[in-house]
């Protein structure tokens, strides 16, 4: 994480992605949003994503010139590495955006881009 990022934590939030987009634009700096519970999470194609209390819900926003076409895959790979390092659990990445642990989907990675 860059030194100059901003972090906001909430007990309950609608969508971490929506809030991250808003806060990132306000100060034009990388932003991390974490929440204990997400009530209006979404996945690919606007599918509803359940994220009750006890799950890890977060979004990270940053500015880049041109998004890398494999950004979702890179995010997934880095997440599996972090889970292994922090929790000692082996998680599999199922293309295009799911993390699988003991045959169950435990995470979905949603990459959203927009021009500024």
PDB file of N, CA and C in Angstrom:
ATOM      1  N   UNK A   1       0.845  -1.175   0.000  1.00  0.00           N
ATOM      2  CA  UNK A   1       0.000   0.000   0.000  1.00  0.00           C
ATOM      3  C   UNK A   1       0.895   1.244   0.000  1.00  0.00           C
ATOM      4  N   UNK A   2       0.518   2.230  -0.793  1.00  0.00           N
ATOM      5  CA  UNK A   2       1.291   3.467  -0.778  1.00  0.00           C
ATOM      6  C   UNK A   2       1.135   4.186   0.558  1.00  0.00           C
ATOM      7  N   UNK A   3       2.122   4.984   0.913  1.00  0.00           N
ATOM      8  CA  UNK A   3       2.087   5.706   2.184  1.00  0.00           C
ATOM      9  C   UNK A   3       0.993   6.766   2.226  1.00  0.00           C
ATOM     10  N   UNK A   4       0.639   7.326   1.098  1.00  0.00           N
ATOM     11  CA  UNK A   4      -0.287   8.457   1.085  1.00  0.00           C
ATOM     12  C   UNK A   4      -1.737   8.056   0.815  1.00  0.00           C
ATOM     13  N   UNK A   5      -2.124   6.852   1.170  1.00  0.00           N
ATOM     14  CA  UNK A   5      -3.501   6.439   0.916  1.00  0.00           C
ATOM     15  C   UNK A   5      -4.390   6.834   2.096  1.00  0.00           C
ATOM     16  N   UNK A   6      -5.691   6.857   1.855  1.00  0.00           N
ATOM     17  CA  UNK A   6      -6.642   7.116   2.929  1.00  0.00           C
ATOM     18  C   UNK A   6      -7.452   5.846   3.185  1.00  0.00           C
ATOM     19  N   UNK A   7      -7.796   5.621   4.463  1.00  0.00           N
ATOM     20  CA  UNK A   7      -8.541   4.417   4.850  1.00  0.00           C
ATOM     21  C   UNK A   7      -9.745   4.825   5.688  1.00  0.00           C
ATOM     22  N   UNK A   8     -10.899   4.288   5.323  1.00  0.00           N
ATOM     23  CA  UNK A   8     -12.126   4.507   6.077  1.00  0.00           C
ATOM     24  C   UNK A   8     -12.718   3.144   6.415  1.00  0.00           C
ATOM     25  N   UNK A   9     -13.109   2.973   7.679  1.00  0.00           N
ATOM     26  CA  UNK A   9     -13.754   1.728   8.095  1.00  0.00           C
ATOM     27  C   UNK A   9     -15.159   2.036   8.594  1.00  0.00           C
ATOM     28  N   UNK A  10     -16.101   1.163   8.221  1.00  0.00           N
ATOM     29  CA  UNK A  10     -17.499   1.326   8.618  1.00  0.00           C
ATOM     30  C   UNK A  10     -18.018   0.015   9.187  1.00  0.00           C
ATOM     31  N   UNK A  11     -18.915   0.112  10.159  1.00  0.00           N
ATOM     32  CA  UNK A  11     -19.580  -1.096  10.653  1.00  0.00           C
ATOM     33  C   UNK A  11     -20.496  -1.639   9.564  1.00  0.00           C
ATOM     34  N   UNK A  12     -21.306  -0.749   8.974  1.00  0.00           N
ATOM     35  CA  UNK A  12     -22.239  -1.136   7.916  1.00  0.00           C
ATOM     36  C   UNK A  12     -22.131  -0.122   6.787  1.00  0.00           C
ATOM     37  N   UNK A  13     -22.116  -0.604   5.567  1.00  0.00           N
ATOM     38  CA  UNK A  13     -22.052   0.263   4.392  1.00  0.00           C
ATOM     39  C   UNK A  13     -22.920  -0.360   3.300  1.00  0.00           C
ATOM     40  N   UNK A  14     -23.444   0.483   2.414  1.00  0.00           N
ATOM     41  CA  UNK A  14     -24.196  -0.042   1.279  1.00  0.00           C
ATOM     42  C   UNK A  14     -23.269  -0.848   0.387  1.00  0.00           C
ATOM     43  N   UNK A  15     -22.406  -0.161  -0.346  1.00  0.00           N
ATOM     44  CA  UNK A  15     -21.442  -0.797  -1.245  1.00  0.00           C
ATOM     45  C   UNK A  15     -20.064  -0.200  -0.998  1.00  0.00           C
ATOM     46  N   UNK A  16     -19.093  -1.038  -0.700  1.00  0.00           N
ATOM     47  CA  UNK A  16     -17.730  -0.531  -0.520  1.00  0.00           C
ATOM     48  C   UNK A  16     -17.205   0.058  -1.825  1.00  0.00           C
ATOM     49  N   UNK A  17     -17.591  -0.532  -2.963  1.00  0.00           N
ATOM     50  CA  UNK A  17     -17.132  -0.004  -4.255  1.00  0.00           C
ATOM     51  C   UNK A  17     -17.662   1.404  -4.501  1.00  0.00           C
ATOM     52  N   UNK A  18     -18.962   1.615  -4.251  1.00  0.00           N
ATOM     53  CA  UNK A  18     -19.544   2.938  -4.477  1.00  0.00           C
ATOM     54  C   UNK A  18     -18.890   3.983  -3.585  1.00  0.00           C
ATOM     55  N   UNK A  19     -18.731   3.659  -2.310  1.00  0.00           N
ATOM     56  CA  UNK A  19     -18.133   4.603  -1.373  1.00  0.00           C
ATOM     57  C   UNK A  19     -16.668   4.858  -1.712  1.00  0.00           C
ATOM     58  N   UNK A  20     -15.960   3.843  -2.145  1.00  0.00           N
ATOM     59  CA  UNK A  20     -14.557   3.998  -2.520  1.00  0.00           C
ATOM     60  C   UNK A  20     -14.416   4.952  -3.701  1.00  0.00           C
ATOM     61  N   UNK A  21     -15.275   4.798  -4.682  1.00  0.00           N
ATOM     62  CA  UNK A  21     -15.242   5.676  -5.852  1.00  0.00           C
ATOM     63  C   UNK A  21     -15.440   7.140  -5.427  1.00  0.00           C
ATOM     64  N   UNK A  22     -16.408   7.387  -4.559  1.00  0.00           N
ATOM     65  CA  UNK A  22     -16.705   8.747  -4.098  1.00  0.00           C
ATOM     66  C   UNK A  22     -15.522   9.331  -3.337  1.00  0.00           C
ATOM     67  N   UNK A  23     -14.996   8.588  -2.360  1.00  0.00           N
ATOM     68  CA  UNK A  23     -13.911   9.097  -1.520  1.00  0.00           C
ATOM     69  C   UNK A  23     -12.611   9.259  -2.301  1.00  0.00           C
ATOM     70  N   UNK A  24     -12.350   8.379  -3.234  1.00  0.00           N
ATOM     71  CA  UNK A  24     -11.138   8.446  -4.049  1.00  0.00           C
ATOM     72  C   UNK A  24     -11.139   9.725  -4.890  1.00  0.00           C
ATOM     73  N   UNK A  25     -12.297  10.064  -5.437  1.00  0.00           N
ATOM     74  CA  UNK A  25     -12.408  11.267  -6.273  1.00  0.00           C
ATOM     75  C   UNK A  25     -12.284  12.550  -5.457  1.00  0.00           C
ATOM     76  N   UNK A  26     -12.746  12.531  -4.210  1.00  0.00           N
ATOM     77  CA  UNK A  26     -12.726  13.741  -3.377  1.00  0.00           C
ATOM     78  C   UNK A  26     -11.311  14.283  -3.198  1.00  0.00           C
ATOM     79  N   UNK A  27     -10.375  13.407  -2.887  1.00  0.00           N
ATOM     80  CA  UNK A  27      -9.011  13.849  -2.583  1.00  0.00           C
ATOM     81  C   UNK A  27      -7.992  13.394  -3.607  1.00  0.00           C
ATOM     82  N   UNK A  28      -8.457  12.695  -4.633  1.00  0.00           N
ATOM     83  CA  UNK A  28      -7.576  12.215  -5.700  1.00  0.00           C
ATOM     84  C   UNK A  28      -6.368  11.460  -5.158  1.00  0.00           C
ATOM     85  N   UNK A  29      -6.624  10.556  -4.230  1.00  0.00           N
ATOM     86  CA  UNK A  29      -5.552   9.726  -3.691  1.00  0.00           C
ATOM     87  C   UNK A  29      -6.071   8.309  -3.494  1.00  0.00           C
ATOM     88  N   UNK A  30      -5.177   7.325  -3.472  1.00  0.00           N
ATOM     89  CA  UNK A  30      -5.606   5.945  -3.272  1.00  0.00           C
ATOM     90  C   UNK A  30      -6.453   5.814  -2.006  1.00  0.00           C
ATOM     91  N   UNK A  31      -7.489   4.982  -2.085  1.00  0.00           N
ATOM     92  CA  UNK A  31      -8.456   4.875  -1.000  1.00  0.00           C
ATOM     93  C   UNK A  31      -8.779   3.418  -0.701  1.00  0.00           C
ATOM     94  N   UNK A  32      -8.807   3.089   0.587  1.00  0.00           N
ATOM     95  CA  UNK A  32      -9.215   1.767   1.046  1.00  0.00           C
ATOM     96  C   UNK A  32     -10.473   1.931   1.890  1.00  0.00           C
ATOM     97  N   UNK A  33     -11.526   1.208   1.527  1.00  0.00           N
ATOM     98  CA  UNK A  33     -12.771   1.196   2.292  1.00  0.00           C
ATOM     99  C   UNK A  33     -12.955  -0.215   2.830  1.00  0.00           C
ATOM    100  N   UNK A  34     -13.117  -0.347   4.147  1.00  0.00           N
ATOM    101  CA  UNK A  34     -13.396  -1.644   4.753  1.00  0.00           C
ATOM    102  C   UNK A  34     -14.712  -1.549   5.512  1.00  0.00           C
ATOM    103  N   UNK A  35     -15.404  -2.676   5.626  1.00  0.00           N
ATOM    104  CA  UNK A  35     -16.686  -2.693   6.329  1.00  0.00           C
ATOM    105  C   UNK A  35     -16.909  -4.050   6.981  1.00  0.00           C
ATOM    106  N   UNK A  36     -17.563  -4.018   8.141  1.00  0.00           N
ATOM    107  CA  UNK A  36     -17.934  -5.260   8.814  1.00  0.00           C
ATOM    108  C   UNK A  36     -19.104  -5.933   8.107  1.00  0.00           C
ATOM    109  N   UNK A  37     -19.975  -5.120   7.505  1.00  0.00           N
ATOM    110  CA  UNK A  37     -21.153  -5.645   6.814  1.00  0.00           C
ATOM    111  C   UNK A  37     -21.438  -4.760   5.608  1.00  0.00           C
ATOM    112  N   UNK A  38     -21.778  -5.379   4.501  1.00  0.00           N
ATOM    113  CA  UNK A  38     -22.104  -4.659   3.270  1.00  0.00           C
ATOM    114  C   UNK A  38     -23.529  -5.064   2.869  1.00  0.00           C
ATOM    115  N   UNK A  39     -24.420  -4.072   2.744  1.00  0.00           N
ATOM    116  CA  UNK A  39     -25.834  -4.382   2.493  1.00  0.00           C
ATOM    117  C   UNK A  39     -26.229  -4.348   1.025  1.00  0.00           C
ATOM    118  N   UNK A  40     -25.443  -3.685   0.192  1.00  0.00           N
ATOM    119  CA  UNK A  40     -25.780  -3.564  -1.227  1.00  0.00           C
ATOM    120  C   UNK A  40     -24.594  -3.916  -2.112  1.00  0.00           C
ATOM    121  N   UNK A  41     -23.869  -4.964  -1.729  1.00  0.00           N
ATOM    122  CA  UNK A  41     -22.724  -5.396  -2.520  1.00  0.00           C
ATOM    123  C   UNK A  41     -23.175  -5.925  -3.871  1.00  0.00           C
ATOM    124  N   UNK A  42     -22.264  -5.902  -4.815  1.00  0.00           N
ATOM    125  CA  UNK A  42     -22.596  -6.420  -6.141  1.00  0.00           C
ATOM    126  C   UNK A  42     -21.395  -7.147  -6.723  1.00  0.00           C
ATOM    127  N   UNK A  43     -21.705  -8.022  -7.646  1.00  0.00           N
ATOM    128  CA  UNK A  43     -20.677  -8.758  -8.360  1.00  0.00           C
ATOM    129  C   UNK A  43     -20.715  -8.367  -9.823  1.00  0.00           C
ATOM    130  N   UNK A  44     -20.158  -9.228 -10.656  1.00  0.00           N
ATOM    131  CA  UNK A  44     -20.170  -8.954 -12.096  1.00  0.00           C
ATOM    132  C   UNK A  44     -21.601  -8.890 -12.602  1.00  0.00           C
ATOM    133  N   UNK A  45     -21.797  -8.085 -13.623  1.00  0.00           N
ATOM    134  CA  UNK A  45     -23.112  -7.933 -14.259  1.00  0.00           C
ATOM    135  C   UNK A  45     -24.193  -7.491 -13.278  1.00  0.00           C
ATOM    136  N   UNK A  46     -23.798  -6.704 -12.282  1.00  0.00           N
ATOM    137  CA  UNK A  46     -24.714  -6.144 -11.281  1.00  0.00           C
ATOM    138  C   UNK A  46     -25.424  -7.202 -10.434  1.00  0.00           C
ATOM    139  N   UNK A  47     -24.867  -8.401 -10.357  1.00  0.00           N
ATOM    140  CA  UNK A  47     -25.462  -9.438  -9.510  1.00  0.00           C
ATOM    141  C   UNK A  47     -25.282  -9.054  -8.046  1.00  0.00           C
ATOM    142  N   UNK A  48     -26.288  -9.351  -7.243  1.00  0.00           N
ATOM    143  CA  UNK A  48     -26.242  -9.040  -5.812  1.00  0.00           C
ATOM    144  C   UNK A  48     -25.196  -9.923  -5.121  1.00  0.00           C
ATOM    145  N   UNK A  49     -24.420  -9.305  -4.225  1.00  0.00           N
ATOM    146  CA  UNK A  49     -23.397 -10.036  -3.485  1.00  0.00           C
ATOM    147  C   UNK A  49     -23.717  -9.934  -2.002  1.00  0.00           C
ATOM    148  N   UNK A  50     -24.003 -11.068  -1.370  1.00  0.00           N
ATOM    149  CA  UNK A  50     -24.297 -11.107   0.061  1.00  0.00           C
ATOM    150  C   UNK A  50     -23.000 -10.959   0.847  1.00  0.00           C
ATOM    151  N   UNK A  51     -22.993 -10.059   1.806  1.00  0.00           N
ATOM    152  CA  UNK A  51     -21.798  -9.843   2.606  1.00  0.00           C
ATOM    153  C   UNK A  51     -22.204  -9.507   4.040  1.00  0.00           C
ATOM    154  N   UNK A  52     -22.669 -10.522   4.788  1.00  0.00           N
ATOM    155  CA  UNK A  52     -23.113 -10.277   6.159  1.00  0.00           C
ATOM    156  C   UNK A  52     -21.943 -10.003   7.096  1.00  0.00           C
ATOM    157  N   UNK A  53     -22.268  -9.585   8.309  1.00  0.00           N
ATOM    158  CA  UNK A  53     -21.248  -9.314   9.313  1.00  0.00           C
ATOM    159  C   UNK A  53     -20.400 -10.571   9.512  1.00  0.00           C
ATOM    160  N   UNK A  54     -19.102 -10.372   9.624  1.00  0.00           N
ATOM    161  CA  UNK A  54     -18.182 -11.489   9.781  1.00  0.00           C
ATOM    162  C   UNK A  54     -17.384 -11.767   8.518  1.00  0.00           C
ATOM    163  N   UNK A  55     -17.874 -11.290   7.384  1.00  0.00           N
ATOM    164  CA  UNK A  55     -17.121 -11.412   6.137  1.00  0.00           C
ATOM    165  C   UNK A  55     -16.097 -10.288   6.057  1.00  0.00           C
ATOM    166  N   UNK A  56     -15.166 -10.415   5.157  1.00  0.00           N
ATOM    167  CA  UNK A  56     -14.215  -9.338   4.900  1.00  0.00           C
ATOM    168  C   UNK A  56     -14.703  -8.617   3.649  1.00  0.00           C
ATOM    169  N   UNK A  57     -15.134  -7.387   3.822  1.00  0.00           N
ATOM    170  CA  UNK A  57     -15.612  -6.591   2.685  1.00  0.00           C
ATOM    171  C   UNK A  57     -14.712  -5.378   2.546  1.00  0.00           C
ATOM    172  N   UNK A  58     -14.113  -5.222   1.376  1.00  0.00           N
ATOM    173  CA  UNK A  58     -13.272  -4.050   1.171  1.00  0.00           C
ATOM    174  C   UNK A  58     -13.184  -3.702  -0.304  1.00  0.00           C
ATOM    175  N   UNK A  59     -12.849  -2.457  -0.541  1.00  0.00           N
ATOM    176  CA  UNK A  59     -12.581  -1.966  -1.894  1.00  0.00           C
ATOM    177  C   UNK A  59     -11.355  -1.081  -1.825  1.00  0.00           C
ATOM    178  N   UNK A  60     -10.551  -1.140  -2.872  1.00  0.00           N
ATOM    179  CA  UNK A  60      -9.357  -0.312  -2.966  1.00  0.00           C
ATOM    180  C   UNK A  60      -9.409   0.423  -4.292  1.00  0.00           C
ATOM    181  N   UNK A  61      -9.319   1.726  -4.232  1.00  0.00           N
ATOM    182  CA  UNK A  61      -9.364   2.540  -5.442  1.00  0.00           C
ATOM    183  C   UNK A  61      -8.056   3.282  -5.644  1.00  0.00           C
ATOM    184  N   UNK A  62      -7.633   3.401  -6.889  1.00  0.00           N
ATOM    185  CA  UNK A  62      -6.405   4.122  -7.207  1.00  0.00           C
ATOM    186  C   UNK A  62      -6.494   4.630  -8.639  1.00  0.00           C
ATOM    187  N   UNK A  63      -5.606   5.521  -8.967  1.00  0.00           N
ATOM    188  CA  UNK A  63      -5.573   6.112 -10.303  1.00  0.00           C
ATOM    189  C   UNK A  63      -4.409   5.516 -11.083  1.00  0.00           C
ATOM    190  N   UNK A  64      -4.680   5.189 -12.334  1.00  0.00           N
ATOM    191  CA  UNK A  64      -3.618   4.686 -13.199  1.00  0.00           C
ATOM    192  C   UNK A  64      -3.882   5.200 -14.608  1.00  0.00           C
ATOM    193  N   UNK A  65      -2.857   5.218 -15.409  1.00  0.00           N
ATOM    194  CA  UNK A  65      -3.011   5.709 -16.772  1.00  0.00           C
ATOM    195  C   UNK A  65      -4.011   4.890 -17.564  1.00  0.00           C
ATOM    196  N   UNK A  66      -3.654   3.684 -17.862  1.00  0.00           N
ATOM    197  CA  UNK A  66      -4.520   2.790 -18.623  1.00  0.00           C
ATOM    198  C   UNK A  66      -4.607   1.476 -17.850  1.00  0.00           C
ATOM    199  N   UNK A  67      -5.823   1.026 -17.497  1.00  0.00           N
ATOM    200  CA  UNK A  67      -5.942  -0.211 -16.725  1.00  0.00           C
ATOM    201  C   UNK A  67      -5.353  -1.406 -17.478  1.00  0.00           C
ATOM    202  N   UNK A  68      -4.637  -2.233 -16.764  1.00  0.00           N
ATOM    203  CA  UNK A  68      -4.052  -3.440 -17.340  1.00  0.00           C
ATOM    204  C   UNK A  68      -5.176  -4.433 -17.632  1.00  0.00           C
ATOM    205  N   UNK A  69      -5.174  -5.074 -18.803  1.00  0.00           N
ATOM    206  CA  UNK A  69      -6.260  -6.001 -19.144  1.00  0.00           C
ATOM    207  C   UNK A  69      -6.369  -7.198 -18.196  1.00  0.00           C
ATOM    208  N   UNK A  70      -5.307  -7.518 -17.486  1.00  0.00           N
ATOM    209  CA  UNK A  70      -5.334  -8.660 -16.566  1.00  0.00           C
ATOM    210  C   UNK A  70      -5.455  -8.218 -15.107  1.00  0.00           C
ATOM    211  N   UNK A  71      -5.966  -7.014 -14.878  1.00  0.00           N
ATOM    212  CA  UNK A  71      -6.043  -6.474 -13.520  1.00  0.00           C
ATOM    213  C   UNK A  71      -6.853  -7.373 -12.585  1.00  0.00           C
ATOM    214  N   UNK A  72      -7.970  -7.906 -13.048  1.00  0.00           N
ATOM    215  CA  UNK A  72      -8.793  -8.790 -12.214  1.00  0.00           C
ATOM    216  C   UNK A  72      -8.026 -10.058 -11.836  1.00  0.00           C
ATOM    217  N   UNK A  73      -7.330 -10.634 -12.792  1.00  0.00           N
ATOM    218  CA  UNK A  73      -6.534 -11.832 -12.530  1.00  0.00           C
ATOM    219  C   UNK A  73      -5.406 -11.528 -11.547  1.00  0.00           C
ATOM    220  N   UNK A  74      -4.721 -10.405 -11.745  1.00  0.00           N
ATOM    221  CA  UNK A  74      -3.639 -10.019 -10.839  1.00  0.00           C
ATOM    222  C   UNK A  74      -4.163  -9.799  -9.422  1.00  0.00           C
ATOM    223  N   UNK A  75      -5.328  -9.159  -9.295  1.00  0.00           N
ATOM    224  CA  UNK A  75      -5.932  -8.943  -7.974  1.00  0.00           C
ATOM    225  C   UNK A  75      -6.254 -10.281  -7.315  1.00  0.00           C
ATOM    226  N   UNK A  76      -6.775 -11.213  -8.088  1.00  0.00           N
ATOM    227  CA  UNK A  76      -7.085 -12.539  -7.555  1.00  0.00           C
ATOM    228  C   UNK A  76      -5.849 -13.283  -7.083  1.00  0.00           C
ATOM    229  N   UNK A  77      -4.799 -13.242  -7.886  1.00  0.00           N
ATOM    230  CA  UNK A  77      -3.556 -13.924  -7.513  1.00  0.00           C
ATOM    231  C   UNK A  77      -2.954 -13.325  -6.246  1.00  0.00           C
ATOM    232  N   UNK A  78      -2.925 -12.007  -6.168  1.00  0.00           N
ATOM    233  CA  UNK A  78      -2.381 -11.337  -4.979  1.00  0.00           C
ATOM    234  C   UNK A  78      -3.214 -11.657  -3.741  1.00  0.00           C
ATOM    235  N   UNK A  79      -4.532 -11.768  -3.921  1.00  0.00           N
ATOM    236  CA  UNK A  79      -5.406 -12.090  -2.790  1.00  0.00           C
ATOM    237  C   UNK A  79      -5.147 -13.507  -2.293  1.00  0.00           C
ATOM    238  N   UNK A  80      -4.963 -14.463  -3.201  1.00  0.00           N
ATOM    239  CA  UNK A  80      -4.673 -15.839  -2.772  1.00  0.00           C
ATOM    240  C   UNK A  80      -3.343 -15.898  -2.014  1.00  0.00           C
ATOM    241  N   UNK A  81      -2.376 -15.131  -2.462  1.00  0.00           N
ATOM    242  CA  UNK A  81      -1.074 -15.082  -1.780  1.00  0.00           C
ATOM    243  C   UNK A  81      -1.229 -14.487  -0.385  1.00  0.00           C
ATOM    244  N   UNK A  82      -2.000 -13.404  -0.273  1.00  0.00           N
ATOM    245  CA  UNK A  82      -2.209 -12.757   1.027  1.00  0.00           C
ATOM    246  C   UNK A  82      -2.932 -13.688   1.996  1.00  0.00           C
ATOM    247  N   UNK A  83      -3.946 -14.400   1.524  1.00  0.00           N
ATOM    248  CA  UNK A  83      -4.684 -15.333   2.388  1.00  0.00           C
ATOM    249  C   UNK A  83      -3.759 -16.442   2.885  1.00  0.00           C
ATOM    250  N   UNK A  84      -2.915 -16.953   2.006  1.00  0.00           N
ATOM    251  CA  UNK A  84      -1.958 -17.995   2.395  1.00  0.00           C
ATOM    252  C   UNK A  84      -0.992 -17.456   3.450  1.00  0.00           C
ATOM    253  N   UNK A  85      -0.494 -16.247   3.224  1.00  0.00           N
ATOM    254  CA  UNK A  85       0.487 -15.650   4.128  1.00  0.00           C
ATOM    255  C   UNK A  85      -0.127 -15.315   5.490  1.00  0.00           C
ATOM    256  N   UNK A  86      -1.334 -14.748   5.497  1.00  0.00           N
ATOM    257  CA  UNK A  86      -1.956 -14.291   6.739  1.00  0.00           C
ATOM    258  C   UNK A  86      -2.647 -15.427   7.501  1.00  0.00           C
ATOM    259  N   UNK A  87      -3.400 -16.265   6.785  1.00  0.00           N
ATOM    260  CA  UNK A  87      -4.216 -17.289   7.438  1.00  0.00           C
ATOM    261  C   UNK A  87      -3.683 -18.714   7.284  1.00  0.00           C
ATOM    262  N   UNK A  88      -2.689 -18.896   6.410  1.00  0.00           N
ATOM    263  CA  UNK A  88      -2.144 -20.228   6.193  1.00  0.00           C
ATOM    264  C   UNK A  88      -3.078 -21.153   5.429  1.00  0.00           C
ATOM    265  N   UNK A  89      -4.026 -20.585   4.694  1.00  0.00           N
ATOM    266  CA  UNK A  89      -5.013 -21.375   3.945  1.00  0.00           C
ATOM    267  C   UNK A  89      -4.699 -21.316   2.455  1.00  0.00           C
ATOM    268  N   UNK A  90      -4.821 -22.458   1.788  1.00  0.00           N
ATOM    269  CA  UNK A  90      -4.621 -22.507   0.341  1.00  0.00           C
ATOM    270  C   UNK A  90      -5.954 -22.274  -0.358  1.00  0.00           C
ATOM    271  N   UNK A  91      -6.023 -21.211  -1.100  1.00  0.00           N
ATOM    272  CA  UNK A  91      -7.234 -20.817  -1.814  1.00  0.00           C
ATOM    273  C   UNK A  91      -6.947 -20.907  -3.299  1.00  0.00           C
ATOM    274  N   UNK A  92      -7.936 -21.364  -4.055  1.00  0.00           N
ATOM    275  CA  UNK A  92      -7.782 -21.470  -5.504  1.00  0.00           C
ATOM    276  C   UNK A  92      -8.493 -20.315  -6.188  1.00  0.00           C
ATOM    277  N   UNK A  93      -7.944 -19.899  -7.310  1.00  0.00           N
ATOM    278  CA  UNK A  93      -8.549 -18.849  -8.117  1.00  0.00           C
ATOM    279  C   UNK A  93      -9.276 -19.505  -9.278  1.00  0.00           C
ATOM    280  N   UNK A  94     -10.573 -19.245  -9.368  1.00  0.00           N
ATOM    281  CA  UNK A  94     -11.382 -19.767 -10.470  1.00  0.00           C
ATOM    282  C   UNK A  94     -11.678 -18.604 -11.407  1.00  0.00           C
ATOM    283  N   UNK A  95     -11.252 -18.751 -12.644  1.00  0.00           N
ATOM    284  CA  UNK A  95     -11.443 -17.692 -13.629  1.00  0.00           C
ATOM    285  C   UNK A  95     -12.926 -17.412 -13.790  1.00  0.00           C
ATOM    286  N   UNK A  96     -13.356 -16.162 -13.905  1.00  0.00           N
ATOM    287  CA  UNK A  96     -12.505 -14.991 -13.997  1.00  0.00           C
ATOM    288  C   UNK A  96     -12.290 -14.268 -12.672  1.00  0.00           C
ATOM    289  N   UNK A  97     -13.117 -14.534 -11.646  1.00  0.00           N
ATOM    290  CA  UNK A  97     -13.002 -13.654 -10.482  1.00  0.00           C
ATOM    291  C   UNK A  97     -13.374 -14.294  -9.145  1.00  0.00           C
ATOM    292  N   UNK A  98     -13.409 -15.594  -9.049  1.00  0.00           N
ATOM    293  CA  UNK A  98     -13.838 -16.240  -7.808  1.00  0.00           C
ATOM    294  C   UNK A  98     -12.666 -16.866  -7.064  1.00  0.00           C
ATOM    295  N   UNK A  99     -12.715 -16.784  -5.735  1.00  0.00           N
ATOM    296  CA  UNK A  99     -11.760 -17.487  -4.894  1.00  0.00           C
ATOM    297  C   UNK A  99     -12.499 -18.647  -4.245  1.00  0.00           C
ATOM    298  N   UNK A 100     -11.905 -19.831  -4.311  1.00  0.00           N
ATOM    299  CA  UNK A 100     -12.535 -21.058  -3.846  1.00  0.00           C
ATOM    300  C   UNK A 100     -11.710 -21.658  -2.710  1.00  0.00           C
ATOM    301  N   UNK A 101     -12.404 -22.013  -1.622  1.00  0.00           N
ATOM    302  CA  UNK A 101     -11.765 -22.683  -0.488  1.00  0.00           C
ATOM    303  C   UNK A 101     -12.639 -23.866  -0.086  1.00  0.00           C
ATOM    304  N   UNK A 102     -12.042 -25.040  -0.047  1.00  0.00           N
ATOM    305  CA  UNK A 102     -12.764 -26.269   0.288  1.00  0.00           C
ATOM    306  C   UNK A 102     -14.049 -26.406  -0.535  1.00  0.00           C
ATOM    307  N   UNK A 103     -13.926 -26.220  -1.833  1.00  0.00           N
ATOM    308  CA  UNK A 103     -15.007 -26.359  -2.823  1.00  0.00           C
ATOM    309  C   UNK A 103     -16.124 -25.325  -2.686  1.00  0.00           C
ATOM    310  N   UNK A 104     -15.902 -24.257  -1.922  1.00  0.00           N
ATOM    311  CA  UNK A 104     -16.920 -23.219  -1.763  1.00  0.00           C
ATOM    312  C   UNK A 104     -16.365 -21.868  -2.197  1.00  0.00           C
ATOM    313  N   UNK A 105     -17.211 -21.085  -2.852  1.00  0.00           N
ATOM    314  CA  UNK A 105     -16.817 -19.730  -3.223  1.00  0.00           C
ATOM    315  C   UNK A 105     -16.770 -18.889  -1.956  1.00  0.00           C
ATOM    316  N   UNK A 106     -15.618 -18.273  -1.713  1.00  0.00           N
ATOM    317  CA  UNK A 106     -15.476 -17.440  -0.522  1.00  0.00           C
ATOM    318  C   UNK A 106     -15.288 -15.966  -0.857  1.00  0.00           C
ATOM    319  N   UNK A 107     -15.089 -15.671  -2.128  1.00  0.00           N
ATOM    320  CA  UNK A 107     -14.815 -14.285  -2.488  1.00  0.00           C
ATOM    321  C   UNK A 107     -15.100 -14.081  -3.963  1.00  0.00           C
ATOM    322  N   UNK A 108     -15.451 -12.867  -4.283  1.00  0.00           N
ATOM    323  CA  UNK A 108     -15.581 -12.459  -5.669  1.00  0.00           C
ATOM    324  C   UNK A 108     -14.811 -11.163  -5.848  1.00  0.00           C
ATOM    325  N   UNK A 109     -14.067 -11.057  -6.899  1.00  0.00           N
ATOM    326  CA  UNK A 109     -13.279  -9.853  -7.160  1.00  0.00           C
ATOM    327  C   UNK A 109     -13.943  -9.095  -8.292  1.00  0.00           C
ATOM    328  N   UNK A 110     -14.273  -7.859  -8.018  1.00  0.00           N
ATOM    329  CA  UNK A 110     -14.928  -7.013  -9.008  1.00  0.00           C
ATOM    330  C   UNK A 110     -14.013  -5.834  -9.313  1.00  0.00           C
ATOM    331  N   UNK A 111     -13.544  -5.751 -10.539  1.00  0.00           N
ATOM    332  CA  UNK A 111     -12.709  -4.633 -10.972  1.00  0.00           C
ATOM    333  C   UNK A 111     -13.582  -3.706 -11.803  1.00  0.00           C
ATOM    334  N   UNK A 112     -13.650  -2.453 -11.383  1.00  0.00           N
ATOM    335  CA  UNK A 112     -14.412  -1.448 -12.115  1.00  0.00           C
ATOM    336  C   UNK A 112     -13.462  -0.323 -12.499  1.00  0.00           C
ATOM    337  N   UNK A 113     -13.557   0.131 -13.725  1.00  0.00           N
ATOM    338  CA  UNK A 113     -12.703   1.228 -14.176  1.00  0.00           C
ATOM    339  C   UNK A 113     -13.568   2.333 -14.761  1.00  0.00           C
ATOM    340  N   UNK A 114     -13.045   3.542 -14.686  1.00  0.00           N
ATOM    341  CA  UNK A 114     -13.703   4.668 -15.339  1.00  0.00           C
ATOM    342  C   UNK A 114     -12.655   5.728 -15.636  1.00  0.00           C
ATOM    343  N   UNK A 115     -12.924   6.535 -16.635  1.00  0.00           N
ATOM    344  CA  UNK A 115     -11.997   7.598 -17.014  1.00  0.00           C
ATOM    345  C   UNK A 115     -12.307   8.853 -16.210  1.00  0.00           C
ATOM    346  N   UNK A 116     -11.243   9.601 -15.870  1.00  0.00           N
ATOM    347  CA  UNK A 116     -11.389  10.874 -15.157  1.00  0.00           C
ATOM    348  C   UNK A 116     -10.893  11.986 -16.027  1.00  0.00           C
TER     349      UNK A 116
END
